[in-house]
Amino acid sequence: MRLIMDKRALAELFRGRLLELVTRSGVTHSAFAAGIGIDRSALSQLLSGDSARLPRVETLLNIAERHAVALDWLLGISLASTGGI
């Protein structure tokens, strides 16, 4: 059976995992954002709990590749953080 998650729940899970990556990276928000190809204000919006906003596919791919995590983990489909993009 497939688990279906609403957009708000998905955004909340993504936000938590993104924050984990930002913290683990040990760099400033500006440096993290630059490393994934967005500006600091876009990163702030993604980390804000005010909306159910999710990033573009290109940004998701950049995050996964740059920080060596699986897209499945980043989007909450898998509990394993590694395993390729």
PDB file of N, CA and C in Angstrom:
ATOM      1  N   MET A   1       0.839  -1.182   0.000  1.00  0.00           N
ATOM      2  CA  MET A   1       0.000   0.000   0.000  1.00  0.00           C
ATOM      3  C   MET A   1       0.884   1.247   0.000  1.00  0.00           C
ATOM      4  N   ARG A   2       0.534   2.194  -0.772  1.00  0.00           N
ATOM      5  CA  ARG A   2       1.320   3.415  -0.932  1.00  0.00           C
ATOM      6  C   ARG A   2       0.816   4.502   0.022  1.00  0.00           C
ATOM      7  N   LEU A   3       1.743   5.138   0.718  1.00  0.00           N
ATOM      8  CA  LEU A   3       1.406   6.227   1.618  1.00  0.00           C
ATOM      9  C   LEU A   3       1.284   7.513   0.817  1.00  0.00           C
ATOM     10  N   ILE A   4       0.166   8.186   0.955  1.00  0.00           N
ATOM     11  CA  ILE A   4      -0.037   9.458   0.272  1.00  0.00           C
ATOM     12  C   ILE A   4       0.036  10.563   1.313  1.00  0.00           C
ATOM     13  N   MET A   5       0.894  11.549   1.056  1.00  0.00           N
ATOM     14  CA  MET A   5       1.127  12.625   2.004  1.00  0.00           C
ATOM     15  C   MET A   5       0.643  13.929   1.392  1.00  0.00           C
ATOM     16  N   ASP A   6      -0.048  14.732   2.192  1.00  0.00           N
ATOM     17  CA  ASP A   6      -0.478  16.016   1.650  1.00  0.00           C
ATOM     18  C   ASP A   6       0.715  16.968   1.536  1.00  0.00           C
ATOM     19  N   LYS A   7       0.536  18.034   0.785  1.00  0.00           N
ATOM     20  CA  LYS A   7       1.640  18.946   0.465  1.00  0.00           C
ATOM     21  C   LYS A   7       2.218  19.600   1.717  1.00  0.00           C
ATOM     22  N   ARG A   8       1.379  19.972   2.671  1.00  0.00           N
ATOM     23  CA  ARG A   8       1.872  20.598   3.900  1.00  0.00           C
ATOM     24  C   ARG A   8       2.748  19.634   4.694  1.00  0.00           C
ATOM     25  N   ALA A   9       2.315  18.388   4.813  1.00  0.00           N
ATOM     26  CA  ALA A   9       3.095  17.389   5.546  1.00  0.00           C
ATOM     27  C   ALA A   9       4.416  17.125   4.831  1.00  0.00           C
ATOM     28  N   LEU A  10       4.374  17.042   3.515  1.00  0.00           N
ATOM     29  CA  LEU A  10       5.593  16.828   2.733  1.00  0.00           C
ATOM     30  C   LEU A  10       6.552  18.000   2.905  1.00  0.00           C
ATOM     31  N   ALA A  11       6.020  19.222   2.859  1.00  0.00           N
ATOM     32  CA  ALA A  11       6.852  20.417   3.013  1.00  0.00           C
ATOM     33  C   ALA A  11       7.472  20.465   4.410  1.00  0.00           C
ATOM     34  N   GLU A  12       6.724  20.065   5.424  1.00  0.00           N
ATOM     35  CA  GLU A  12       7.245  20.058   6.790  1.00  0.00           C
ATOM     36  C   GLU A  12       8.373  19.036   6.942  1.00  0.00           C
ATOM     37  N   LEU A  13       8.185  17.867   6.382  1.00  0.00           N
ATOM     38  CA  LEU A  13       9.221  16.842   6.426  1.00  0.00           C
ATOM     39  C   LEU A  13      10.462  17.293   5.657  1.00  0.00           C
ATOM     40  N   PHE A  14      10.266  17.841   4.458  1.00  0.00           N
ATOM     41  CA  PHE A  14      11.382  18.358   3.669  1.00  0.00           C
ATOM     42  C   PHE A  14      12.129  19.442   4.441  1.00  0.00           C
ATOM     43  N   ARG A  15      11.384  20.368   5.038  1.00  0.00           N
ATOM     44  CA  ARG A  15      11.984  21.474   5.789  1.00  0.00           C
ATOM     45  C   ARG A  15      12.882  20.951   6.919  1.00  0.00           C
ATOM     46  N   GLY A  16      12.421  19.945   7.635  1.00  0.00           N
ATOM     47  CA  GLY A  16      13.218  19.359   8.705  1.00  0.00           C
ATOM     48  C   GLY A  16      14.497  18.728   8.195  1.00  0.00           C
ATOM     49  N   ARG A  17      14.394  18.047   7.074  1.00  0.00           N
ATOM     50  CA  ARG A  17      15.580  17.393   6.505  1.00  0.00           C
ATOM     51  C   ARG A  17      16.546  18.414   5.914  1.00  0.00           C
ATOM     52  N   LEU A  18      16.011  19.467   5.318  1.00  0.00           N
ATOM     53  CA  LEU A  18      16.862  20.530   4.796  1.00  0.00           C
ATOM     54  C   LEU A  18      17.599  21.207   5.945  1.00  0.00           C
ATOM     55  N   LEU A  19      16.897  21.493   7.024  1.00  0.00           N
ATOM     56  CA  LEU A  19      17.531  22.117   8.182  1.00  0.00           C
ATOM     57  C   LEU A  19      18.631  21.217   8.749  1.00  0.00           C
ATOM     58  N   GLU A  20      18.382  19.920   8.760  1.00  0.00           N
ATOM     59  CA  GLU A  20      19.405  18.971   9.208  1.00  0.00           C
ATOM     60  C   GLU A  20      20.658  19.076   8.339  1.00  0.00           C
ATOM     61  N   LEU A  21      20.477  19.174   7.029  1.00  0.00           N
ATOM     62  CA  LEU A  21      21.621  19.300   6.126  1.00  0.00           C
ATOM     63  C   LEU A  21      22.357  20.617   6.317  1.00  0.00           C
ATOM     64  N   VAL A  22      21.615  21.694   6.500  1.00  0.00           N
ATOM     65  CA  VAL A  22      22.235  22.999   6.723  1.00  0.00           C
ATOM     66  C   VAL A  22      23.076  22.951   7.996  1.00  0.00           C
ATOM     67  N   THR A  23      22.523  22.403   9.053  1.00  0.00           N
ATOM     68  CA  THR A  23      23.229  22.298  10.330  1.00  0.00           C
ATOM     69  C   THR A  23      24.454  21.412  10.203  1.00  0.00           C
ATOM     70  N   ARG A  24      24.276  20.258   9.568  1.00  0.00           N
ATOM     71  CA  ARG A  24      25.384  19.312   9.385  1.00  0.00           C
ATOM     72  C   ARG A  24      26.511  19.894   8.543  1.00  0.00           C
ATOM     73  N   SER A  25      26.170  20.772   7.616  1.00  0.00           N
ATOM     74  CA  SER A  25      27.186  21.333   6.715  1.00  0.00           C
ATOM     75  C   SER A  25      28.161  22.250   7.450  1.00  0.00           C
ATOM     76  N   GLY A  26      27.692  22.893   8.515  1.00  0.00           N
ATOM     77  CA  GLY A  26      28.552  23.772   9.288  1.00  0.00           C
ATOM     78  C   GLY A  26      28.890  25.096   8.616  1.00  0.00           C
ATOM     79  N   VAL A  27      28.151  25.443   7.573  1.00  0.00           N
ATOM     80  CA  VAL A  27      28.400  26.708   6.872  1.00  0.00           C
ATOM     81  C   VAL A  27      27.231  27.657   7.108  1.00  0.00           C
ATOM     82  N   THR A  28      27.404  28.910   6.728  1.00  0.00           N
ATOM     83  CA  THR A  28      26.332  29.888   6.868  1.00  0.00           C
ATOM     84  C   THR A  28      25.194  29.574   5.893  1.00  0.00           C
ATOM     85  N   HIS A  29      24.048  30.157   6.181  1.00  0.00           N
ATOM     86  CA  HIS A  29      22.914  29.986   5.262  1.00  0.00           C
ATOM     87  C   HIS A  29      23.263  30.515   3.876  1.00  0.00           C
ATOM     88  N   SER A  30      23.990  31.615   3.829  1.00  0.00           N
ATOM     89  CA  SER A  30      24.382  32.183   2.531  1.00  0.00           C
ATOM     90  C   SER A  30      25.268  31.221   1.751  1.00  0.00           C
ATOM     91  N   ALA A  31      26.240  30.619   2.428  1.00  0.00           N
ATOM     92  CA  ALA A  31      27.153  29.677   1.766  1.00  0.00           C
ATOM     93  C   ALA A  31      26.414  28.417   1.340  1.00  0.00           C
ATOM     94  N   PHE A  32      25.522  27.922   2.188  1.00  0.00           N
ATOM     95  CA  PHE A  32      24.744  26.731   1.839  1.00  0.00           C
ATOM     96  C   PHE A  32      23.899  27.012   0.601  1.00  0.00           C
ATOM     97  N   ALA A  33      23.211  28.150   0.614  1.00  0.00           N
ATOM     98  CA  ALA A  33      22.347  28.516  -0.513  1.00  0.00           C
ATOM     99  C   ALA A  33      23.151  28.626  -1.804  1.00  0.00           C
ATOM    100  N   ALA A  34      24.293  29.305  -1.737  1.00  0.00           N
ATOM    101  CA  ALA A  34      25.133  29.458  -2.930  1.00  0.00           C
ATOM    102  C   ALA A  34      25.576  28.097  -3.446  1.00  0.00           C
ATOM    103  N   GLY A  35      25.866  27.184  -2.550  1.00  0.00           N
ATOM    104  CA  GLY A  35      26.320  25.852  -2.946  1.00  0.00           C
ATOM    105  C   GLY A  35      25.272  25.033  -3.676  1.00  0.00           C
ATOM    106  N   ILE A  36      24.001  25.356  -3.464  1.00  0.00           N
ATOM    107  CA  ILE A  36      22.935  24.617  -4.148  1.00  0.00           C
ATOM    108  C   ILE A  36      22.269  25.442  -5.243  1.00  0.00           C
ATOM    109  N   GLY A  37      22.839  26.625  -5.502  1.00  0.00           N
ATOM    110  CA  GLY A  37      22.380  27.418  -6.635  1.00  0.00           C
ATOM    111  C   GLY A  37      21.167  28.297  -6.403  1.00  0.00           C
ATOM    112  N   ILE A  38      20.909  28.656  -5.136  1.00  0.00           N
ATOM    113  CA  ILE A  38      19.815  29.585  -4.849  1.00  0.00           C
ATOM    114  C   ILE A  38      20.361  30.710  -3.979  1.00  0.00           C
ATOM    115  N   ASP A  39      19.570  31.766  -3.797  1.00  0.00           N
ATOM    116  CA  ASP A  39      20.047  32.832  -2.908  1.00  0.00           C
ATOM    117  C   ASP A  39      19.559  32.592  -1.480  1.00  0.00           C
ATOM    118  N   ARG A  40      20.130  33.352  -0.558  1.00  0.00           N
ATOM    119  CA  ARG A  40      19.834  33.158   0.861  1.00  0.00           C
ATOM    120  C   ARG A  40      18.354  33.355   1.166  1.00  0.00           C
ATOM    121  N   SER A  41      17.717  34.311   0.508  1.00  0.00           N
ATOM    122  CA  SER A  41      16.299  34.562   0.773  1.00  0.00           C
ATOM    123  C   SER A  41      15.437  33.372   0.335  1.00  0.00           C
ATOM    124  N   ALA A  42      15.811  32.720  -0.760  1.00  0.00           N
ATOM    125  CA  ALA A  42      15.074  31.526  -1.199  1.00  0.00           C
ATOM    126  C   ALA A  42      15.242  30.403  -0.183  1.00  0.00           C
ATOM    127  N   LEU A  43      16.461  30.249   0.351  1.00  0.00           N
ATOM    128  CA  LEU A  43      16.690  29.235   1.389  1.00  0.00           C
ATOM    129  C   LEU A  43      15.859  29.560   2.624  1.00  0.00           C
ATOM    130  N   SER A  44      15.821  30.805   3.013  1.00  0.00           N
ATOM    131  CA  SER A  44      15.022  31.221   4.173  1.00  0.00           C
ATOM    132  C   SER A  44      13.548  30.880   3.979  1.00  0.00           C
ATOM    133  N   GLN A  45      13.045  31.090   2.767  1.00  0.00           N
ATOM    134  CA  GLN A  45      11.648  30.741   2.476  1.00  0.00           C
ATOM    135  C   GLN A  45      11.424  29.237   2.594  1.00  0.00           C
ATOM    136  N   LEU A  46      12.379  28.452   2.105  1.00  0.00           N
ATOM    137  CA  LEU A  46      12.247  27.003   2.194  1.00  0.00           C
ATOM    138  C   LEU A  46      12.282  26.523   3.638  1.00  0.00           C
ATOM    139  N   LEU A  47      13.041  27.208   4.484  1.00  0.00           N
ATOM    140  CA  LEU A  47      13.157  26.822   5.887  1.00  0.00           C
ATOM    141  C   LEU A  47      12.023  27.383   6.751  1.00  0.00           C
ATOM    142  N   SER A  48      11.268  28.316   6.212  1.00  0.00           N
ATOM    143  CA  SER A  48      10.175  28.943   6.954  1.00  0.00           C
ATOM    144  C   SER A  48       8.980  28.000   7.037  1.00  0.00           C
ATOM    145  N   GLY A  49       8.357  27.977   8.182  1.00  0.00           N
ATOM    146  CA  GLY A  49       7.172  27.139   8.352  1.00  0.00           C
ATOM    147  C   GLY A  49       5.892  27.816   7.913  1.00  0.00           C
ATOM    148  N   ASP A  50       6.021  28.978   7.270  1.00  0.00           N
ATOM    149  CA  ASP A  50       4.848  29.760   6.900  1.00  0.00           C
ATOM    150  C   ASP A  50       4.115  29.267   5.656  1.00  0.00           C
ATOM    151  N   SER A  51       4.758  28.399   4.875  1.00  0.00           N
ATOM    152  CA  SER A  51       4.106  27.950   3.643  1.00  0.00           C
ATOM    153  C   SER A  51       4.433  26.484   3.366  1.00  0.00           C
ATOM    154  N   ALA A  52       3.747  25.951   2.393  1.00  0.00           N
ATOM    155  CA  ALA A  52       3.979  24.574   1.971  1.00  0.00           C
ATOM    156  C   ALA A  52       4.855  24.549   0.728  1.00  0.00           C
ATOM    157  N   ARG A  53       5.683  25.572   0.567  1.00  0.00           N
ATOM    158  CA  ARG A  53       6.521  25.704  -0.625  1.00  0.00           C
ATOM    159  C   ARG A  53       7.593  24.622  -0.681  1.00  0.00           C
ATOM    160  N   LEU A  54       7.745  24.035  -1.842  1.00  0.00           N
ATOM    161  CA  LEU A  54       8.816  23.082  -2.116  1.00  0.00           C
ATOM    162  C   LEU A  54       9.684  23.645  -3.230  1.00  0.00           C
ATOM    163  N   PRO A  55      10.958  23.272  -3.256  1.00  0.00           N
ATOM    164  CA  PRO A  55      11.844  23.808  -4.294  1.00  0.00           C
ATOM    165  C   PRO A  55      11.598  23.169  -5.656  1.00  0.00           C
ATOM    166  N   ARG A  56      12.160  23.805  -6.675  1.00  0.00           N
ATOM    167  CA  ARG A  56      12.126  23.240  -8.031  1.00  0.00           C
ATOM    168  C   ARG A  56      12.939  21.944  -8.052  1.00  0.00           C
ATOM    169  N   VAL A  57      12.678  21.140  -9.037  1.00  0.00           N
ATOM    170  CA  VAL A  57      13.381  19.866  -9.191  1.00  0.00           C
ATOM    171  C   VAL A  57      14.892  20.073  -9.281  1.00  0.00           C
ATOM    172  N   GLU A  58      15.318  21.101 -10.009  1.00  0.00           N
ATOM    173  CA  GLU A  58      16.756  21.359 -10.154  1.00  0.00           C
ATOM    174  C   GLU A  58      17.401  21.621  -8.794  1.00  0.00           C
ATOM    175  N   THR A  59      16.693  22.343  -7.932  1.00  0.00           N
ATOM    176  CA  THR A  59      17.215  22.636  -6.597  1.00  0.00           C
ATOM    177  C   THR A  59      17.274  21.370  -5.761  1.00  0.00           C
ATOM    178  N   LEU A  60      16.241  20.544  -5.840  1.00  0.00           N
ATOM    179  CA  LEU A  60      16.257  19.265  -5.120  1.00  0.00           C
ATOM    180  C   LEU A  60      17.451  18.417  -5.547  1.00  0.00           C
ATOM    181  N   LEU A  61      17.687  18.344  -6.854  1.00  0.00           N
ATOM    182  CA  LEU A  61      18.824  17.576  -7.361  1.00  0.00           C
ATOM    183  C   LEU A  61      20.147  18.148  -6.871  1.00  0.00           C
ATOM    184  N   ASN A  62      20.268  19.472  -6.861  1.00  0.00           N
ATOM    185  CA  ASN A  62      21.494  20.110  -6.372  1.00  0.00           C
ATOM    186  C   ASN A  62      21.729  19.807  -4.900  1.00  0.00           C
ATOM    187  N   ILE A  63      20.673  19.858  -4.098  1.00  0.00           N
ATOM    188  CA  ILE A  63      20.809  19.551  -2.671  1.00  0.00           C
ATOM    189  C   ILE A  63      21.270  18.111  -2.493  1.00  0.00           C
ATOM    190  N   ALA A  64      20.597  17.190  -3.169  1.00  0.00           N
ATOM    191  CA  ALA A  64      20.926  15.773  -3.024  1.00  0.00           C
ATOM    192  C   ALA A  64      22.357  15.479  -3.459  1.00  0.00           C
ATOM    193  N   GLU A  65      22.756  16.023  -4.588  1.00  0.00           N
ATOM    194  CA  GLU A  65      24.098  15.768  -5.102  1.00  0.00           C
ATOM    195  C   GLU A  65      25.165  16.421  -4.233  1.00  0.00           C
ATOM    196  N   ARG A  66      24.973  17.668  -3.905  1.00  0.00           N
ATOM    197  CA  ARG A  66      25.974  18.433  -3.146  1.00  0.00           C
ATOM    198  C   ARG A  66      26.187  17.865  -1.736  1.00  0.00           C
ATOM    199  N   HIS A  67      25.122  17.331  -1.157  1.00  0.00           N
ATOM    200  CA  HIS A  67      25.198  16.867   0.230  1.00  0.00           C
ATOM    201  C   HIS A  67      25.098  15.347   0.358  1.00  0.00           C
ATOM    202  N   ALA A  68      25.241  14.662  -0.771  1.00  0.00           N
ATOM    203  CA  ALA A  68      25.315  13.191  -0.829  1.00  0.00           C
ATOM    204  C   ALA A  68      24.177  12.507  -0.076  1.00  0.00           C
ATOM    205  N   VAL A  69      22.962  12.942  -0.378  1.00  0.00           N
ATOM    206  CA  VAL A  69      21.782  12.292   0.195  1.00  0.00           C
ATOM    207  C   VAL A  69      20.869  11.852  -0.945  1.00  0.00           C
ATOM    208  N   ALA A  70      20.025  10.899  -0.650  1.00  0.00           N
ATOM    209  CA  ALA A  70      19.078  10.397  -1.637  1.00  0.00           C
ATOM    210  C   ALA A  70      17.877  11.335  -1.735  1.00  0.00           C
ATOM    211  N   LEU A  71      17.377  11.521  -2.937  1.00  0.00           N
ATOM    212  CA  LEU A  71      16.158  12.315  -3.121  1.00  0.00           C
ATOM    213  C   LEU A  71      15.000  11.711  -2.330  1.00  0.00           C
ATOM    214  N   ASP A  72      14.931  10.391  -2.291  1.00  0.00           N
ATOM    215  CA  ASP A  72      13.875   9.713  -1.535  1.00  0.00           C
ATOM    216  C   ASP A  72      13.882  10.147  -0.071  1.00  0.00           C
ATOM    217  N   TRP A  73      15.080  10.249   0.503  1.00  0.00           N
ATOM    218  CA  TRP A  73      15.195  10.673   1.899  1.00  0.00           C
ATOM    219  C   TRP A  73      14.797  12.143   2.031  1.00  0.00           C
ATOM    220  N   LEU A  74      15.288  12.967   1.148  1.00  0.00           N
ATOM    221  CA  LEU A  74      15.019  14.396   1.194  1.00  0.00           C
ATOM    222  C   LEU A  74      13.518  14.673   1.129  1.00  0.00           C
ATOM    223  N   LEU A  75      12.796  13.884   0.364  1.00  0.00           N
ATOM    224  CA  LEU A  75      11.352  14.065   0.201  1.00  0.00           C
ATOM    225  C   LEU A  75      10.516  13.198   1.133  1.00  0.00           C
ATOM    226  N   GLY A  76      11.189  12.467   2.026  1.00  0.00           N
ATOM    227  CA  GLY A  76      10.449  11.682   3.009  1.00  0.00           C
ATOM    228  C   GLY A  76       9.917  10.352   2.526  1.00  0.00           C
ATOM    229  N   ILE A  77      10.390   9.887   1.388  1.00  0.00           N
ATOM    230  CA  ILE A  77       9.931   8.610   0.851  1.00  0.00           C
ATOM    231  C   ILE A  77      10.674   7.459   1.499  1.00  0.00           C
ATOM    232  N   SER A  78      11.899   7.743   1.967  1.00  0.00           N
ATOM    233  CA  SER A  78      12.751   6.731   2.553  1.00  0.00           C
ATOM    234  C   SER A  78      13.352   7.260   3.853  1.00  0.00           C
ATOM    235  N   LEU A  79      13.676   6.348   4.756  1.00  0.00           N
ATOM    236  CA  LEU A  79      14.339   6.721   6.001  1.00  0.00           C
ATOM    237  C   LEU A  79      15.849   6.740   5.850  1.00  0.00           C
ATOM    238  N   ALA A  80      16.368   6.117   4.778  1.00  0.00           N
ATOM    239  CA  ALA A  80      17.809   6.037   4.544  1.00  0.00           C
ATOM    240  C   ALA A  80      18.274   7.304   3.827  1.00  0.00           C
ATOM    241  N   SER A  81      19.266   7.998   4.412  1.00  0.00           N
ATOM    242  CA  SER A  81      19.707   9.250   3.808  1.00  0.00           C
ATOM    243  C   SER A  81      20.661   9.047   2.649  1.00  0.00           C
ATOM    244  N   THR A  82      21.256   7.881   2.535  1.00  0.00           N
ATOM    245  CA  THR A  82      22.173   7.630   1.417  1.00  0.00           C
ATOM    246  C   THR A  82      21.567   6.625   0.471  1.00  0.00           C
ATOM    247  N   GLY A  83      22.194   6.476  -0.656  1.00  0.00           N
ATOM    248  CA  GLY A  83      21.695   5.523  -1.621  1.00  0.00           C
ATOM    249  C   GLY A  83      21.610   6.108  -3.011  1.00  0.00           C
ATOM    250  N   GLY A  84      22.265   7.235  -3.201  1.00  0.00           N
ATOM    251  CA  GLY A  84      22.275   7.851  -4.528  1.00  0.00           C
ATOM    252  C   GLY A  84      21.131   8.815  -4.704  1.00  0.00           C
ATOM    253  N   ILE A  85      21.208   9.527  -5.810  1.00  0.00           N
ATOM    254  CA  ILE A  85      20.190  10.533  -6.107  1.00  0.00           C
ATOM    255  C   ILE A  85      18.954   9.825  -6.595  1.00  0.00           C
TER     256      ILE A  85
END
